[in-house]
Amino acid sequence: MKKTGNLFSEWLDTLSEYFAHRKGLLPLLGTLLVIVNLFLEIVFPGTFFTNTDILLHLGVIVAVFGLVLARAL
C-alpha cells in the first residue's frame, strides 16, 4: 500500500481493501441488526431499543450502505 502521509486516506484504503473481499458482510450485519430488533421487540417490549427502533434503523442504513458499497467495489 502506498504511504500518503494522511491518516484518513490510509484508513480508507485499508477499509476498502477489507470490504472488497467481503462484499456481503455489511448487508448481512444489517439484516442481523433488523432481526435482533424484532427479537427485542418480542421479548423485551417497552425498552429504549424497542421504543426508538434504533437497531431497525441502523440495520437498514448499514444494509443499504453495504449494497451500494459492494456495487462500487
PDB file of N, CA and C in Angstrom:
ATOM      1  N   MET A   1       0.836  -1.170   0.000  1.00  0.00           N
ATOM      2  CA  MET A   1       0.000   0.000   0.000  1.00  0.00           C
ATOM      3  C   MET A   1       0.885   1.239   0.000  1.00  0.00           C
ATOM      4  N   LYS A   2       0.495   2.210  -0.755  1.00  0.00           N
ATOM      5  CA  LYS A   2       1.263   3.449  -0.888  1.00  0.00           C
ATOM      6  C   LYS A   2       1.043   4.347   0.325  1.00  0.00           C
ATOM      7  N   LYS A   3       2.108   4.835   0.904  1.00  0.00           N
ATOM      8  CA  LYS A   3       2.025   5.733   2.063  1.00  0.00           C
ATOM      9  C   LYS A   3       1.821   7.158   1.570  1.00  0.00           C
ATOM     10  N   THR A   4       0.722   7.757   1.970  1.00  0.00           N
ATOM     11  CA  THR A   4       0.433   9.120   1.532  1.00  0.00           C
ATOM     12  C   THR A   4       0.684  10.135   2.629  1.00  0.00           C
ATOM     13  N   GLY A   5       0.809   9.660   3.848  1.00  0.00           N
ATOM     14  CA  GLY A   5       1.040  10.580   4.950  1.00  0.00           C
ATOM     15  C   GLY A   5      -0.236  11.046   5.611  1.00  0.00           C
ATOM     16  N   ASN A   6      -1.366  10.817   4.987  1.00  0.00           N
ATOM     17  CA  ASN A   6      -2.645  11.227   5.544  1.00  0.00           C
ATOM     18  C   ASN A   6      -3.277  10.023   6.229  1.00  0.00           C
ATOM     19  N   LEU A   7      -3.534  10.128   7.497  1.00  0.00           N
ATOM     20  CA  LEU A   7      -4.064   9.009   8.279  1.00  0.00           C
ATOM     21  C   LEU A   7      -5.437   8.582   7.781  1.00  0.00           C
ATOM     22  N   PHE A   8      -6.292   9.533   7.449  1.00  0.00           N
ATOM     23  CA  PHE A   8      -7.632   9.193   6.968  1.00  0.00           C
ATOM     24  C   PHE A   8      -7.566   8.464   5.634  1.00  0.00           C
ATOM     25  N   SER A   9      -6.691   8.892   4.756  1.00  0.00           N
ATOM     26  CA  SER A   9      -6.538   8.256   3.454  1.00  0.00           C
ATOM     27  C   SER A   9      -6.041   6.819   3.604  1.00  0.00           C
ATOM     28  N   GLU A  10      -5.092   6.608   4.485  1.00  0.00           N
ATOM     29  CA  GLU A  10      -4.590   5.262   4.736  1.00  0.00           C
ATOM     30  C   GLU A  10      -5.678   4.369   5.332  1.00  0.00           C
ATOM     31  N   TRP A  11      -6.442   4.932   6.257  1.00  0.00           N
ATOM     32  CA  TRP A  11      -7.522   4.168   6.877  1.00  0.00           C
ATOM     33  C   TRP A  11      -8.582   3.808   5.835  1.00  0.00           C
ATOM     34  N   LEU A  12      -8.910   4.725   4.950  1.00  0.00           N
ATOM     35  CA  LEU A  12      -9.904   4.480   3.911  1.00  0.00           C
ATOM     36  C   LEU A  12      -9.425   3.433   2.913  1.00  0.00           C
ATOM     37  N   ASP A  13      -8.144   3.458   2.556  1.00  0.00           N
ATOM     38  CA  ASP A  13      -7.584   2.442   1.666  1.00  0.00           C
ATOM     39  C   ASP A  13      -7.641   1.054   2.301  1.00  0.00           C
ATOM     40  N   THR A  14      -7.284   0.977   3.568  1.00  0.00           N
ATOM     41  CA  THR A  14      -7.329  -0.307   4.273  1.00  0.00           C
ATOM     42  C   THR A  14      -8.748  -0.837   4.372  1.00  0.00           C
ATOM     43  N   LEU A  15      -9.670   0.045   4.674  1.00  0.00           N
ATOM     44  CA  LEU A  15     -11.066  -0.359   4.802  1.00  0.00           C
ATOM     45  C   LEU A  15     -11.648  -0.816   3.470  1.00  0.00           C
ATOM     46  N   SER A  16     -11.333  -0.123   2.399  1.00  0.00           N
ATOM     47  CA  SER A  16     -11.858  -0.518   1.093  1.00  0.00           C
ATOM     48  C   SER A  16     -11.265  -1.848   0.639  1.00  0.00           C
ATOM     49  N   GLU A  17      -9.996  -2.099   0.937  1.00  0.00           N
ATOM     50  CA  GLU A  17      -9.401  -3.399   0.607  1.00  0.00           C
ATOM     51  C   GLU A  17     -10.057  -4.516   1.414  1.00  0.00           C
ATOM     52  N   TYR A  18     -10.387  -4.237   2.664  1.00  0.00           N
ATOM     53  CA  TYR A  18     -11.025  -5.243   3.514  1.00  0.00           C
ATOM     54  C   TYR A  18     -12.413  -5.604   2.975  1.00  0.00           C
ATOM     55  N   PHE A  19     -13.216  -4.586   2.651  1.00  0.00           N
ATOM     56  CA  PHE A  19     -14.581  -4.843   2.196  1.00  0.00           C
ATOM     57  C   PHE A  19     -14.643  -5.305   0.748  1.00  0.00           C
ATOM     58  N   ALA A  20     -13.593  -5.117  -0.028  1.00  0.00           N
ATOM     59  CA  ALA A  20     -13.590  -5.595  -1.410  1.00  0.00           C
ATOM     60  C   ALA A  20     -13.653  -7.115  -1.466  1.00  0.00           C
ATOM     61  N   HIS A  21     -13.078  -7.772  -0.470  1.00  0.00           N
ATOM     62  CA  HIS A  21     -13.085  -9.231  -0.425  1.00  0.00           C
ATOM     63  C   HIS A  21     -14.267  -9.791   0.370  1.00  0.00           C
ATOM     64  N   ARG A  22     -14.993  -8.932   1.064  1.00  0.00           N
ATOM     65  CA  ARG A  22     -16.122  -9.360   1.893  1.00  0.00           C
ATOM     66  C   ARG A  22     -17.349  -8.516   1.556  1.00  0.00           C
ATOM     67  N   LYS A  23     -17.852  -8.673   0.334  1.00  0.00           N
ATOM     68  CA  LYS A  23     -18.912  -7.799  -0.163  1.00  0.00           C
ATOM     69  C   LYS A  23     -20.246  -7.993   0.551  1.00  0.00           C
ATOM     70  N   GLY A  24     -20.491  -9.148   1.092  1.00  0.00           N
ATOM     71  CA  GLY A  24     -21.764  -9.413   1.732  1.00  0.00           C
ATOM     72  C   GLY A  24     -21.778  -9.186   3.230  1.00  0.00           C
ATOM     73  N   LEU A  25     -20.677  -8.728   3.788  1.00  0.00           N
ATOM     74  CA  LEU A  25     -20.584  -8.595   5.241  1.00  0.00           C
ATOM     75  C   LEU A  25     -21.512  -7.507   5.786  1.00  0.00           C
ATOM     76  N   LEU A  26     -21.518  -6.331   5.185  1.00  0.00           N
ATOM     77  CA  LEU A  26     -22.366  -5.246   5.696  1.00  0.00           C
ATOM     78  C   LEU A  26     -23.859  -5.517   5.509  1.00  0.00           C
ATOM     79  N   PRO A  27     -24.308  -6.029   4.344  1.00  0.00           N
ATOM     80  CA  PRO A  27     -25.730  -6.386   4.263  1.00  0.00           C
ATOM     81  C   PRO A  27     -26.142  -7.477   5.254  1.00  0.00           C
ATOM     82  N   LEU A  28     -25.243  -8.413   5.490  1.00  0.00           N
ATOM     83  CA  LEU A  28     -25.526  -9.466   6.475  1.00  0.00           C
ATOM     84  C   LEU A  28     -25.610  -8.891   7.879  1.00  0.00           C
ATOM     85  N   LEU A  29     -24.709  -7.981   8.206  1.00  0.00           N
ATOM     86  CA  LEU A  29     -24.733  -7.327   9.508  1.00  0.00           C
ATOM     87  C   LEU A  29     -26.004  -6.490   9.673  1.00  0.00           C
ATOM     88  N   GLY A  30     -26.411  -5.788   8.632  1.00  0.00           N
ATOM     89  CA  GLY A  30     -27.648  -5.006   8.684  1.00  0.00           C
ATOM     90  C   GLY A  30     -28.872  -5.885   8.887  1.00  0.00           C
ATOM     91  N   THR A  31     -28.906  -7.005   8.200  1.00  0.00           N
ATOM     92  CA  THR A  31     -30.013  -7.945   8.370  1.00  0.00           C
ATOM     93  C   THR A  31     -30.034  -8.505   9.782  1.00  0.00           C
ATOM     94  N   LEU A  32     -28.872  -8.789  10.320  1.00  0.00           N
ATOM     95  CA  LEU A  32     -28.777  -9.288  11.690  1.00  0.00           C
ATOM     96  C   LEU A  32     -29.296  -8.251  12.688  1.00  0.00           C
ATOM     97  N   LEU A  33     -28.984  -6.976  12.476  1.00  0.00           N
ATOM     98  CA  LEU A  33     -29.492  -5.921  13.363  1.00  0.00           C
ATOM     99  C   LEU A  33     -31.016  -5.826  13.304  1.00  0.00           C
ATOM    100  N   VAL A  34     -31.597  -5.983  12.128  1.00  0.00           N
ATOM    101  CA  VAL A  34     -33.054  -5.953  11.996  1.00  0.00           C
ATOM    102  C   VAL A  34     -33.682  -7.135  12.728  1.00  0.00           C
ATOM    103  N   ILE A  35     -33.081  -8.306  12.616  1.00  0.00           N
ATOM    104  CA  ILE A  35     -33.603  -9.495  13.303  1.00  0.00           C
ATOM    105  C   ILE A  35     -33.472  -9.347  14.818  1.00  0.00           C
ATOM    106  N   VAL A  36     -32.361  -8.779  15.282  1.00  0.00           N
ATOM    107  CA  VAL A  36     -32.185  -8.535  16.721  1.00  0.00           C
ATOM    108  C   VAL A  36     -33.246  -7.555  17.217  1.00  0.00           C
ATOM    109  N   ASN A  37     -33.560  -6.541  16.411  1.00  0.00           N
ATOM    110  CA  ASN A  37     -34.604  -5.596  16.791  1.00  0.00           C
ATOM    111  C   ASN A  37     -35.959  -6.298  16.930  1.00  0.00           C
ATOM    112  N   LEU A  38     -36.268  -7.195  16.007  1.00  0.00           N
ATOM    113  CA  LEU A  38     -37.516  -7.959  16.092  1.00  0.00           C
ATOM    114  C   LEU A  38     -37.535  -8.828  17.341  1.00  0.00           C
ATOM    115  N   PHE A  39     -36.413  -9.486  17.636  1.00  0.00           N
ATOM    116  CA  PHE A  39     -36.321 -10.330  18.828  1.00  0.00           C
ATOM    117  C   PHE A  39     -36.530  -9.502  20.097  1.00  0.00           C
ATOM    118  N   LEU A  40     -35.880  -8.334  20.165  1.00  0.00           N
ATOM    119  CA  LEU A  40     -36.040  -7.481  21.345  1.00  0.00           C
ATOM    120  C   LEU A  40     -37.464  -6.963  21.478  1.00  0.00           C
ATOM    121  N   GLU A  41     -38.105  -6.695  20.361  1.00  0.00           N
ATOM    122  CA  GLU A  41     -39.498  -6.224  20.383  1.00  0.00           C
ATOM    123  C   GLU A  41     -40.428  -7.289  20.959  1.00  0.00           C
ATOM    124  N   ILE A  42     -40.144  -8.538  20.663  1.00  0.00           N
ATOM    125  CA  ILE A  42     -40.985  -9.631  21.147  1.00  0.00           C
ATOM    126  C   ILE A  42     -40.683  -9.954  22.612  1.00  0.00           C
ATOM    127  N   VAL A  43     -39.406 -10.010  22.966  1.00  0.00           N
ATOM    128  CA  VAL A  43     -39.002 -10.463  24.295  1.00  0.00           C
ATOM    129  C   VAL A  43     -39.050  -9.347  25.335  1.00  0.00           C
ATOM    130  N   PHE A  44     -38.572  -8.155  24.987  1.00  0.00           N
ATOM    131  CA  PHE A  44     -38.479  -7.044  25.935  1.00  0.00           C
ATOM    132  C   PHE A  44     -39.234  -5.813  25.426  1.00  0.00           C
ATOM    133  N   PRO A  45     -40.549  -5.853  25.395  1.00  0.00           N
ATOM    134  CA  PRO A  45     -41.280  -4.671  24.909  1.00  0.00           C
ATOM    135  C   PRO A  45     -41.184  -3.515  25.908  1.00  0.00           C
ATOM    136  N   GLY A  46     -41.148  -2.292  25.381  1.00  0.00           N
ATOM    137  CA  GLY A  46     -41.147  -1.125  26.242  1.00  0.00           C
ATOM    138  C   GLY A  46     -39.780  -0.629  26.657  1.00  0.00           C
ATOM    139  N   THR A  47     -38.708  -1.200  26.114  1.00  0.00           N
ATOM    140  CA  THR A  47     -37.371  -0.713  26.456  1.00  0.00           C
ATOM    141  C   THR A  47     -36.964   0.393  25.488  1.00  0.00           C
ATOM    142  N   PHE A  48     -35.814   1.004  25.748  1.00  0.00           N
ATOM    143  CA  PHE A  48     -35.326   2.090  24.895  1.00  0.00           C
ATOM    144  C   PHE A  48     -35.137   1.627  23.454  1.00  0.00           C
ATOM    145  N   PHE A  49     -34.532   0.453  23.276  1.00  0.00           N
ATOM    146  CA  PHE A  49     -34.249  -0.039  21.929  1.00  0.00           C
ATOM    147  C   PHE A  49     -35.524  -0.341  21.153  1.00  0.00           C
ATOM    148  N   THR A  50     -36.550  -0.826  21.829  1.00  0.00           N
ATOM    149  CA  THR A  50     -37.784  -1.147  21.121  1.00  0.00           C
ATOM    150  C   THR A  50     -38.662   0.081  20.910  1.00  0.00           C
ATOM    151  N   ASN A  51     -38.619   1.028  21.827  1.00  0.00           N
ATOM    152  CA  ASN A  51     -39.420   2.242  21.645  1.00  0.00           C
ATOM    153  C   ASN A  51     -38.884   3.109  20.514  1.00  0.00           C
ATOM    154  N   THR A  52     -37.573   3.175  20.376  1.00  0.00           N
ATOM    155  CA  THR A  52     -36.979   4.019  19.346  1.00  0.00           C
ATOM    156  C   THR A  52     -36.703   3.271  18.046  1.00  0.00           C
ATOM    157  N   ASP A  53     -36.709   1.943  18.080  1.00  0.00           N
ATOM    158  CA  ASP A  53     -36.371   1.109  16.918  1.00  0.00           C
ATOM    159  C   ASP A  53     -35.015   1.490  16.340  1.00  0.00           C
ATOM    160  N   ILE A  54     -34.090   1.801  17.209  1.00  0.00           N
ATOM    161  CA  ILE A  54     -32.776   2.260  16.765  1.00  0.00           C
ATOM    162  C   ILE A  54     -32.011   1.158  16.026  1.00  0.00           C
ATOM    163  N   LEU A  55     -32.146  -0.084  16.456  1.00  0.00           N
ATOM    164  CA  LEU A  55     -31.451  -1.174  15.767  1.00  0.00           C
ATOM    165  C   LEU A  55     -32.056  -1.428  14.393  1.00  0.00           C
ATOM    166  N   LEU A  56     -33.350  -1.228  14.268  1.00  0.00           N
ATOM    167  CA  LEU A  56     -34.009  -1.374  12.972  1.00  0.00           C
ATOM    168  C   LEU A  56     -33.492  -0.331  11.991  1.00  0.00           C
ATOM    169  N   HIS A  57     -33.461   0.917  12.431  1.00  0.00           N
ATOM    170  CA  HIS A  57     -32.993   1.986  11.549  1.00  0.00           C
ATOM    171  C   HIS A  57     -31.516   1.819  11.206  1.00  0.00           C
ATOM    172  N   LEU A  58     -30.718   1.496  12.203  1.00  0.00           N
ATOM    173  CA  LEU A  58     -29.290   1.292  11.970  1.00  0.00           C
ATOM    174  C   LEU A  58     -29.052   0.105  11.040  1.00  0.00           C
ATOM    175  N   GLY A  59     -29.818  -0.946  11.209  1.00  0.00           N
ATOM    176  CA  GLY A  59     -29.681  -2.123  10.345  1.00  0.00           C
ATOM    177  C   GLY A  59     -30.016  -1.837   8.902  1.00  0.00           C
ATOM    178  N   VAL A  60     -31.069  -1.068   8.661  1.00  0.00           N
ATOM    179  CA  VAL A  60     -31.442  -0.725   7.290  1.00  0.00           C
ATOM    180  C   VAL A  60     -30.373   0.162   6.655  1.00  0.00           C
ATOM    181  N   ILE A  61     -29.867   1.122   7.416  1.00  0.00           N
ATOM    182  CA  ILE A  61     -28.824   2.010   6.890  1.00  0.00           C
ATOM    183  C   ILE A  61     -27.559   1.225   6.559  1.00  0.00           C
ATOM    184  N   VAL A  62     -27.140   0.328   7.450  1.00  0.00           N
ATOM    185  CA  VAL A  62     -25.934  -0.469   7.224  1.00  0.00           C
ATOM    186  C   VAL A  62     -26.122  -1.393   6.021  1.00  0.00           C
ATOM    187  N   ALA A  63     -27.296  -2.005   5.885  1.00  0.00           N
ATOM    188  CA  ALA A  63     -27.541  -2.917   4.768  1.00  0.00           C
ATOM    189  C   ALA A  63     -27.548  -2.181   3.433  1.00  0.00           C
ATOM    190  N   VAL A  64     -28.204  -1.043   3.371  1.00  0.00           N
ATOM    191  CA  VAL A  64     -28.239  -0.280   2.118  1.00  0.00           C
ATOM    192  C   VAL A  64     -26.844   0.242   1.774  1.00  0.00           C
ATOM    193  N   PHE A  65     -26.122   0.744   2.766  1.00  0.00           N
ATOM    194  CA  PHE A  65     -24.754   1.204   2.537  1.00  0.00           C
ATOM    195  C   PHE A  65     -23.874   0.052   2.057  1.00  0.00           C
ATOM    196  N   GLY A  66     -24.052  -1.125   2.623  1.00  0.00           N
ATOM    197  CA  GLY A  66     -23.276  -2.280   2.205  1.00  0.00           C
ATOM    198  C   GLY A  66     -23.572  -2.699   0.769  1.00  0.00           C
ATOM    199  N   LEU A  67     -24.840  -2.621   0.372  1.00  0.00           N
ATOM    200  CA  LEU A  67     -25.196  -2.949  -1.002  1.00  0.00           C
ATOM    201  C   LEU A  67     -24.607  -1.941  -1.993  1.00  0.00           C
ATOM    202  N   VAL A  68     -24.663  -0.672  -1.645  1.00  0.00           N
ATOM    203  CA  VAL A  68     -24.098   0.360  -2.514  1.00  0.00           C
ATOM    204  C   VAL A  68     -22.584   0.224  -2.585  1.00  0.00           C
ATOM    205  N   LEU A  69     -21.955  -0.042  -1.459  1.00  0.00           N
ATOM    206  CA  LEU A  69     -20.504  -0.207  -1.432  1.00  0.00           C
ATOM    207  C   LEU A  69     -20.074  -1.435  -2.209  1.00  0.00           C
ATOM    208  N   ALA A  70     -20.821  -2.527  -2.104  1.00  0.00           N
ATOM    209  CA  ALA A  70     -20.475  -3.743  -2.845  1.00  0.00           C
ATOM    210  C   ALA A  70     -20.590  -3.502  -4.347  1.00  0.00           C
ATOM    211  N   ARG A  71     -21.562  -2.717  -4.740  1.00  0.00           N
ATOM    212  CA  ARG A  71     -21.716  -2.392  -6.162  1.00  0.00           C
ATOM    213  C   ARG A  71     -20.533  -1.543  -6.660  1.00  0.00           C
ATOM    214  N   ALA A  72     -20.057  -0.640  -5.822  1.00  0.00           N
ATOM    215  CA  ALA A  72     -18.955   0.251  -6.219  1.00  0.00           C
ATOM    216  C   ALA A  72     -17.621  -0.482  -6.246  1.00  0.00           C
ATOM    217  N   LEU A  73     -17.442  -1.452  -5.351  1.00  0.00           N
ATOM    218  CA  LEU A  73     -16.159  -2.156  -5.305  1.00  0.00           C
ATOM    219  C   LEU A  73     -16.157  -3.292  -6.277  1.00  0.00           C
TER     220      LEU A  73
END
